[in-house]
Amino acid sequence: MGARSSHEHLTAAVCLFRSLADPARLEIVQHLAQGEHRVVELTGHLGLAQSTVSAHLACLKDCGLVDSRPQGRSSIFSLARPELFELLSAAERVLAATGDAVVLCPNYGQGSPG
């Protein structure tokens, strides 16, 4: 297999950030960064339906970001890659450094048309 082109790397990065762009998925990842959780625990933390949390976990698992292991009749979910925790920490540092700029951004902030 040859090296990926710059465009392929960008495409992969865009897909990674899209997978984290949904508020529920990002919140799930943040909870999993603190330690393993079962679906029932995540539904309690997030206030979302079990089916919604399960669907988001399946998406994150398909993306290779979350792992699961069986425990009795349920599954325990965890981050698949420690680098994801590092990415979240780096994002928090960037947000702290830029203040409200991202939130106020006319293209991607809370008031954006998208």
N, C-alpha and C. Protein backbone atom coordinates (compact mmCIF):
# COMPACT_ATOMS: atom_id res chain seq x y z
N MET A 1 0.83 -1.17 0.00
CA MET A 1 0.00 0.00 0.00
C MET A 1 0.88 1.24 0.00
N GLY A 2 0.58 2.19 -0.87
CA GLY A 2 1.35 3.41 -0.94
C GLY A 2 0.91 4.42 0.09
N ALA A 3 1.72 5.47 0.18
CA ALA A 3 1.39 6.55 1.11
C ALA A 3 0.14 7.28 0.63
N ARG A 4 -0.62 7.76 1.57
CA ARG A 4 -1.83 8.50 1.21
C ARG A 4 -1.45 9.90 0.78
N SER A 5 -2.20 10.43 -0.16
CA SER A 5 -1.96 11.79 -0.62
C SER A 5 -2.42 12.79 0.43
N SER A 6 -2.00 14.03 0.24
CA SER A 6 -2.41 15.10 1.15
C SER A 6 -3.93 15.23 1.17
N HIS A 7 -4.55 15.09 0.00
CA HIS A 7 -6.01 15.18 -0.09
C HIS A 7 -6.68 14.06 0.71
N GLU A 8 -6.14 12.85 0.63
CA GLU A 8 -6.70 11.73 1.37
C GLU A 8 -6.58 11.94 2.88
N HIS A 9 -5.45 12.52 3.32
CA HIS A 9 -5.28 12.82 4.74
C HIS A 9 -6.29 13.86 5.19
N LEU A 10 -6.52 14.88 4.35
CA LEU A 10 -7.51 15.90 4.70
C LEU A 10 -8.91 15.31 4.74
N THR A 11 -9.21 14.44 3.80
CA THR A 11 -10.53 13.80 3.78
C THR A 11 -10.74 12.99 5.05
N ALA A 12 -9.73 12.24 5.46
CA ALA A 12 -9.83 11.45 6.68
C ALA A 12 -10.01 12.36 7.90
N ALA A 13 -9.29 13.48 7.95
CA ALA A 13 -9.42 14.41 9.07
C ALA A 13 -10.82 15.03 9.10
N VAL A 14 -11.35 15.38 7.93
CA VAL A 14 -12.71 15.93 7.86
C VAL A 14 -13.70 14.91 8.40
N CYS A 15 -13.55 13.66 8.02
CA CYS A 15 -14.44 12.61 8.50
C CYS A 15 -14.33 12.45 10.02
N LEU A 16 -13.12 12.51 10.55
CA LEU A 16 -12.93 12.41 12.00
C LEU A 16 -13.67 13.54 12.71
N PHE A 17 -13.48 14.76 12.24
CA PHE A 17 -14.13 15.89 12.91
C PHE A 17 -15.64 15.86 12.72
N ARG A 18 -16.11 15.38 11.60
CA ARG A 18 -17.57 15.22 11.42
C ARG A 18 -18.13 14.21 12.42
N SER A 19 -17.38 13.14 12.67
CA SER A 19 -17.86 12.13 13.61
C SER A 19 -18.00 12.71 15.01
N LEU A 20 -17.22 13.74 15.31
CA LEU A 20 -17.27 14.37 16.64
C LEU A 20 -18.14 15.62 16.66
N ALA A 21 -18.67 16.03 15.51
CA ALA A 21 -19.40 17.29 15.41
C ALA A 21 -20.79 17.24 16.03
N ASP A 22 -21.37 16.07 16.14
CA ASP A 22 -22.69 15.97 16.76
C ASP A 22 -22.54 16.16 18.27
N PRO A 23 -23.35 17.06 18.86
CA PRO A 23 -23.21 17.32 20.30
C PRO A 23 -23.33 16.06 21.17
N ALA A 24 -24.24 15.16 20.85
CA ALA A 24 -24.41 13.95 21.66
C ALA A 24 -23.18 13.05 21.53
N ARG A 25 -22.66 12.88 20.31
CA ARG A 25 -21.47 12.03 20.15
C ARG A 25 -20.27 12.63 20.88
N LEU A 26 -20.11 13.95 20.79
CA LEU A 26 -19.00 14.58 21.47
C LEU A 26 -19.13 14.43 22.99
N GLU A 27 -20.34 14.55 23.49
CA GLU A 27 -20.56 14.38 24.93
C GLU A 27 -20.30 12.93 25.35
N ILE A 28 -20.67 11.98 24.52
CA ILE A 28 -20.38 10.57 24.81
C ILE A 28 -18.87 10.37 24.88
N VAL A 29 -18.15 10.90 23.92
CA VAL A 29 -16.69 10.77 23.91
C VAL A 29 -16.09 11.41 25.15
N GLN A 30 -16.59 12.58 25.54
CA GLN A 30 -16.09 13.23 26.75
C GLN A 30 -16.33 12.36 27.99
N HIS A 31 -17.48 11.73 28.09
CA HIS A 31 -17.75 10.84 29.22
C HIS A 31 -16.83 9.63 29.19
N LEU A 32 -16.61 9.08 28.00
CA LEU A 32 -15.74 7.91 27.89
C LEU A 32 -14.28 8.27 28.16
N ALA A 33 -13.91 9.53 27.95
CA ALA A 33 -12.55 9.97 28.26
C ALA A 33 -12.31 9.90 29.77
N GLN A 34 -13.38 9.93 30.55
CA GLN A 34 -13.28 9.85 32.01
C GLN A 34 -13.25 8.40 32.50
N GLY A 35 -13.61 7.46 31.62
CA GLY A 35 -13.61 6.05 31.99
C GLY A 35 -14.70 5.29 31.28
N GLU A 36 -14.70 3.99 31.46
CA GLU A 36 -15.67 3.12 30.80
C GLU A 36 -17.09 3.39 31.30
N HIS A 37 -18.05 3.19 30.39
CA HIS A 37 -19.46 3.36 30.74
C HIS A 37 -20.32 2.34 30.00
N ARG A 38 -21.44 1.99 30.64
CA ARG A 38 -22.47 1.19 29.98
C ARG A 38 -23.47 2.16 29.35
N VAL A 39 -24.27 1.66 28.41
CA VAL A 39 -25.26 2.50 27.74
C VAL A 39 -26.20 3.12 28.76
N VAL A 40 -26.65 2.36 29.73
CA VAL A 40 -27.59 2.88 30.71
C VAL A 40 -26.99 4.04 31.50
N GLU A 41 -25.71 3.99 31.77
CA GLU A 41 -25.05 5.09 32.47
C GLU A 41 -24.99 6.33 31.58
N LEU A 42 -24.68 6.13 30.31
CA LEU A 42 -24.61 7.25 29.38
C LEU A 42 -25.99 7.88 29.17
N THR A 43 -27.04 7.06 29.11
CA THR A 43 -28.38 7.63 28.94
C THR A 43 -28.73 8.50 30.15
N GLY A 44 -28.31 8.08 31.33
CA GLY A 44 -28.55 8.88 32.53
C GLY A 44 -27.78 10.19 32.51
N HIS A 45 -26.52 10.13 32.08
CA HIS A 45 -25.69 11.34 32.02
C HIS A 45 -26.21 12.33 30.97
N LEU A 46 -26.63 11.80 29.82
CA LEU A 46 -26.98 12.65 28.69
C LEU A 46 -28.46 13.02 28.63
N GLY A 47 -29.30 12.24 29.30
CA GLY A 47 -30.73 12.49 29.23
C GLY A 47 -31.31 12.16 27.87
N LEU A 48 -30.70 11.20 27.18
CA LEU A 48 -31.17 10.77 25.86
C LEU A 48 -31.74 9.36 25.94
N ALA A 49 -32.54 9.02 24.97
CA ALA A 49 -33.11 7.67 24.89
C ALA A 49 -32.00 6.65 24.67
N GLN A 50 -32.24 5.44 25.17
CA GLN A 50 -31.26 4.36 25.00
C GLN A 50 -30.97 4.10 23.53
N SER A 51 -32.00 4.14 22.70
CA SER A 51 -31.80 3.87 21.27
C SER A 51 -30.92 4.94 20.63
N THR A 52 -31.06 6.19 21.06
CA THR A 52 -30.24 7.28 20.53
C THR A 52 -28.79 7.11 20.94
N VAL A 53 -28.56 6.82 22.21
CA VAL A 53 -27.19 6.62 22.69
C VAL A 53 -26.56 5.42 21.99
N SER A 54 -27.32 4.33 21.85
CA SER A 54 -26.80 3.14 21.18
C SER A 54 -26.43 3.44 19.73
N ALA A 55 -27.25 4.23 19.04
CA ALA A 55 -26.97 4.58 17.65
C ALA A 55 -25.69 5.41 17.55
N HIS A 56 -25.52 6.35 18.47
CA HIS A 56 -24.30 7.17 18.46
C HIS A 56 -23.07 6.32 18.79
N LEU A 57 -23.21 5.41 19.74
CA LEU A 57 -22.10 4.52 20.06
C LEU A 57 -21.74 3.63 18.88
N ALA A 58 -22.74 3.15 18.16
CA ALA A 58 -22.48 2.33 16.97
C ALA A 58 -21.71 3.13 15.92
N CYS A 59 -22.10 4.38 15.74
CA CYS A 59 -21.41 5.26 14.80
C CYS A 59 -19.95 5.43 15.22
N LEU A 60 -19.74 5.76 16.49
CA LEU A 60 -18.38 5.95 16.98
C LEU A 60 -17.55 4.68 16.91
N LYS A 61 -18.21 3.55 17.11
CA LYS A 61 -17.50 2.26 17.02
C LYS A 61 -17.14 1.97 15.57
N ASP A 62 -18.07 2.25 14.64
CA ASP A 62 -17.78 2.07 13.21
C ASP A 62 -16.62 2.95 12.75
N CYS A 63 -16.47 4.11 13.38
CA CYS A 63 -15.38 5.04 13.05
C CYS A 63 -14.06 4.62 13.70
N GLY A 64 -14.09 3.61 14.55
CA GLY A 64 -12.87 3.16 15.21
C GLY A 64 -12.49 4.00 16.42
N LEU A 65 -13.43 4.81 16.92
CA LEU A 65 -13.13 5.69 18.04
C LEU A 65 -13.51 5.11 19.39
N VAL A 66 -14.42 4.13 19.39
CA VAL A 66 -14.94 3.53 20.62
C VAL A 66 -14.84 2.02 20.51
N ASP A 67 -14.51 1.38 21.61
CA ASP A 67 -14.50 -0.08 21.72
C ASP A 67 -15.57 -0.50 22.72
N SER A 68 -15.95 -1.77 22.65
CA SER A 68 -16.86 -2.31 23.66
C SER A 68 -16.43 -3.72 24.01
N ARG A 69 -16.81 -4.12 25.20
CA ARG A 69 -16.58 -5.49 25.64
C ARG A 69 -17.81 -5.94 26.40
N PRO A 70 -18.17 -7.19 26.25
CA PRO A 70 -19.37 -7.67 26.95
C PRO A 70 -19.13 -7.77 28.45
N GLN A 71 -20.18 -7.48 29.19
CA GLN A 71 -20.17 -7.71 30.64
C GLN A 71 -21.58 -8.12 31.02
N GLY A 72 -21.74 -9.39 31.26
CA GLY A 72 -23.08 -9.91 31.54
C GLY A 72 -23.96 -9.73 30.32
N ARG A 73 -25.13 -9.12 30.52
CA ARG A 73 -26.07 -8.91 29.41
C ARG A 73 -25.89 -7.57 28.73
N SER A 74 -24.92 -6.79 29.20
CA SER A 74 -24.69 -5.48 28.59
C SER A 74 -23.27 -5.38 28.06
N SER A 75 -22.92 -4.22 27.56
CA SER A 75 -21.58 -3.96 27.05
C SER A 75 -21.00 -2.76 27.77
N ILE A 76 -19.70 -2.79 27.93
CA ILE A 76 -18.96 -1.68 28.53
C ILE A 76 -18.23 -0.99 27.39
N PHE A 77 -18.40 0.33 27.28
CA PHE A 77 -17.79 1.11 26.21
C PHE A 77 -16.63 1.93 26.73
N SER A 78 -15.62 2.09 25.89
CA SER A 78 -14.44 2.87 26.24
C SER A 78 -13.87 3.49 24.96
N LEU A 79 -12.98 4.46 25.14
CA LEU A 79 -12.30 5.04 23.99
C LEU A 79 -11.36 3.99 23.39
N ALA A 80 -11.36 3.89 22.09
CA ALA A 80 -10.51 2.92 21.41
C ALA A 80 -9.07 3.41 21.31
N ARG A 81 -8.90 4.72 21.27
CA ARG A 81 -7.58 5.30 21.07
C ARG A 81 -7.30 6.36 22.13
N PRO A 82 -6.18 6.26 22.84
CA PRO A 82 -5.83 7.30 23.81
C PRO A 82 -5.59 8.65 23.14
N GLU A 83 -5.24 8.62 21.86
CA GLU A 83 -5.02 9.87 21.13
C GLU A 83 -6.28 10.73 21.09
N LEU A 84 -7.44 10.10 21.17
CA LEU A 84 -8.69 10.85 21.16
C LEU A 84 -8.80 11.72 22.41
N PHE A 85 -8.36 11.21 23.54
CA PHE A 85 -8.32 12.01 24.76
C PHE A 85 -7.39 13.20 24.57
N GLU A 86 -6.24 12.96 23.94
CA GLU A 86 -5.30 14.05 23.66
C GLU A 86 -5.91 15.08 22.73
N LEU A 87 -6.67 14.63 21.73
CA LEU A 87 -7.33 15.55 20.81
C LEU A 87 -8.34 16.42 21.54
N LEU A 88 -9.13 15.83 22.43
CA LEU A 88 -10.10 16.59 23.22
C LEU A 88 -9.39 17.62 24.10
N SER A 89 -8.29 17.23 24.70
CA SER A 89 -7.52 18.15 25.55
C SER A 89 -6.96 19.30 24.72
N ALA A 90 -6.46 18.99 23.53
CA ALA A 90 -5.94 20.03 22.65
C ALA A 90 -7.05 20.97 22.22
N ALA A 91 -8.23 20.43 21.93
CA ALA A 91 -9.37 21.26 21.53
C ALA A 91 -9.76 22.21 22.66
N GLU A 92 -9.75 21.71 23.89
CA GLU A 92 -10.07 22.57 25.03
C GLU A 92 -9.06 23.71 25.17
N ARG A 93 -7.77 23.41 24.91
CA ARG A 93 -6.75 24.47 24.98
C ARG A 93 -6.95 25.50 23.88
N VAL A 94 -7.29 25.05 22.68
CA VAL A 94 -7.55 25.98 21.57
C VAL A 94 -8.75 26.85 21.89
N LEU A 95 -9.82 26.24 22.39
CA LEU A 95 -11.01 27.01 22.74
C LEU A 95 -10.72 28.02 23.85
N ALA A 96 -9.92 27.64 24.82
CA ALA A 96 -9.55 28.56 25.89
C ALA A 96 -8.74 29.74 25.34
N ALA A 97 -7.88 29.45 24.37
CA ALA A 97 -7.03 30.50 23.80
C ALA A 97 -7.80 31.44 22.89
N THR A 98 -8.84 30.95 22.22
CA THR A 98 -9.59 31.78 21.27
C THR A 98 -10.82 32.42 21.87
N GLY A 99 -11.14 32.06 23.10
CA GLY A 99 -12.31 32.64 23.75
C GLY A 99 -13.59 32.28 23.01
N ASP A 100 -14.43 33.27 22.79
CA ASP A 100 -15.73 33.05 22.14
C ASP A 100 -15.66 33.12 20.62
N ALA A 101 -14.49 33.23 20.03
CA ALA A 101 -14.39 33.44 18.59
C ALA A 101 -15.10 32.35 17.79
N VAL A 102 -14.94 31.10 18.17
CA VAL A 102 -15.58 30.01 17.43
C VAL A 102 -17.09 30.05 17.59
N VAL A 103 -17.55 30.34 18.80
CA VAL A 103 -18.99 30.40 19.05
C VAL A 103 -19.62 31.54 18.26
N LEU A 104 -18.89 32.63 18.12
CA LEU A 104 -19.41 33.81 17.43
C LEU A 104 -19.15 33.80 15.93
N CYS A 105 -18.41 32.82 15.45
CA CYS A 105 -18.06 32.75 14.02
C CYS A 105 -19.33 32.75 13.17
N PRO A 106 -19.41 33.64 12.17
CA PRO A 106 -20.62 33.71 11.34
C PRO A 106 -20.85 32.46 10.48
N ASN A 107 -19.79 31.69 10.21
CA ASN A 107 -19.94 30.50 9.37
C ASN A 107 -20.22 29.23 10.17
N TYR A 108 -19.60 29.10 11.34
CA TYR A 108 -19.72 27.84 12.08
C TYR A 108 -20.21 28.00 13.51
N GLY A 109 -20.41 29.23 13.95
CA GLY A 109 -20.85 29.48 15.31
C GLY A 109 -22.32 29.22 15.51
N GLN A 110 -22.80 29.57 16.67
CA GLN A 110 -24.20 29.30 17.03
C GLN A 110 -25.18 30.05 16.16
N GLY A 111 -24.81 31.17 15.61
CA GLY A 111 -25.72 31.95 14.78
C GLY A 111 -25.58 31.65 13.30
N SER A 112 -24.80 30.62 12.95
CA SER A 112 -24.57 30.31 11.54
C SER A 112 -25.81 29.70 10.91
N PRO A 113 -25.98 29.88 9.61
CA PRO A 113 -27.15 29.32 8.95
C PRO A 113 -27.12 27.81 8.82
N GLY A 114 -25.95 27.16 8.98
CA GLY A 114 -25.82 25.72 8.77
C GLY A 114 -26.39 24.94 9.86
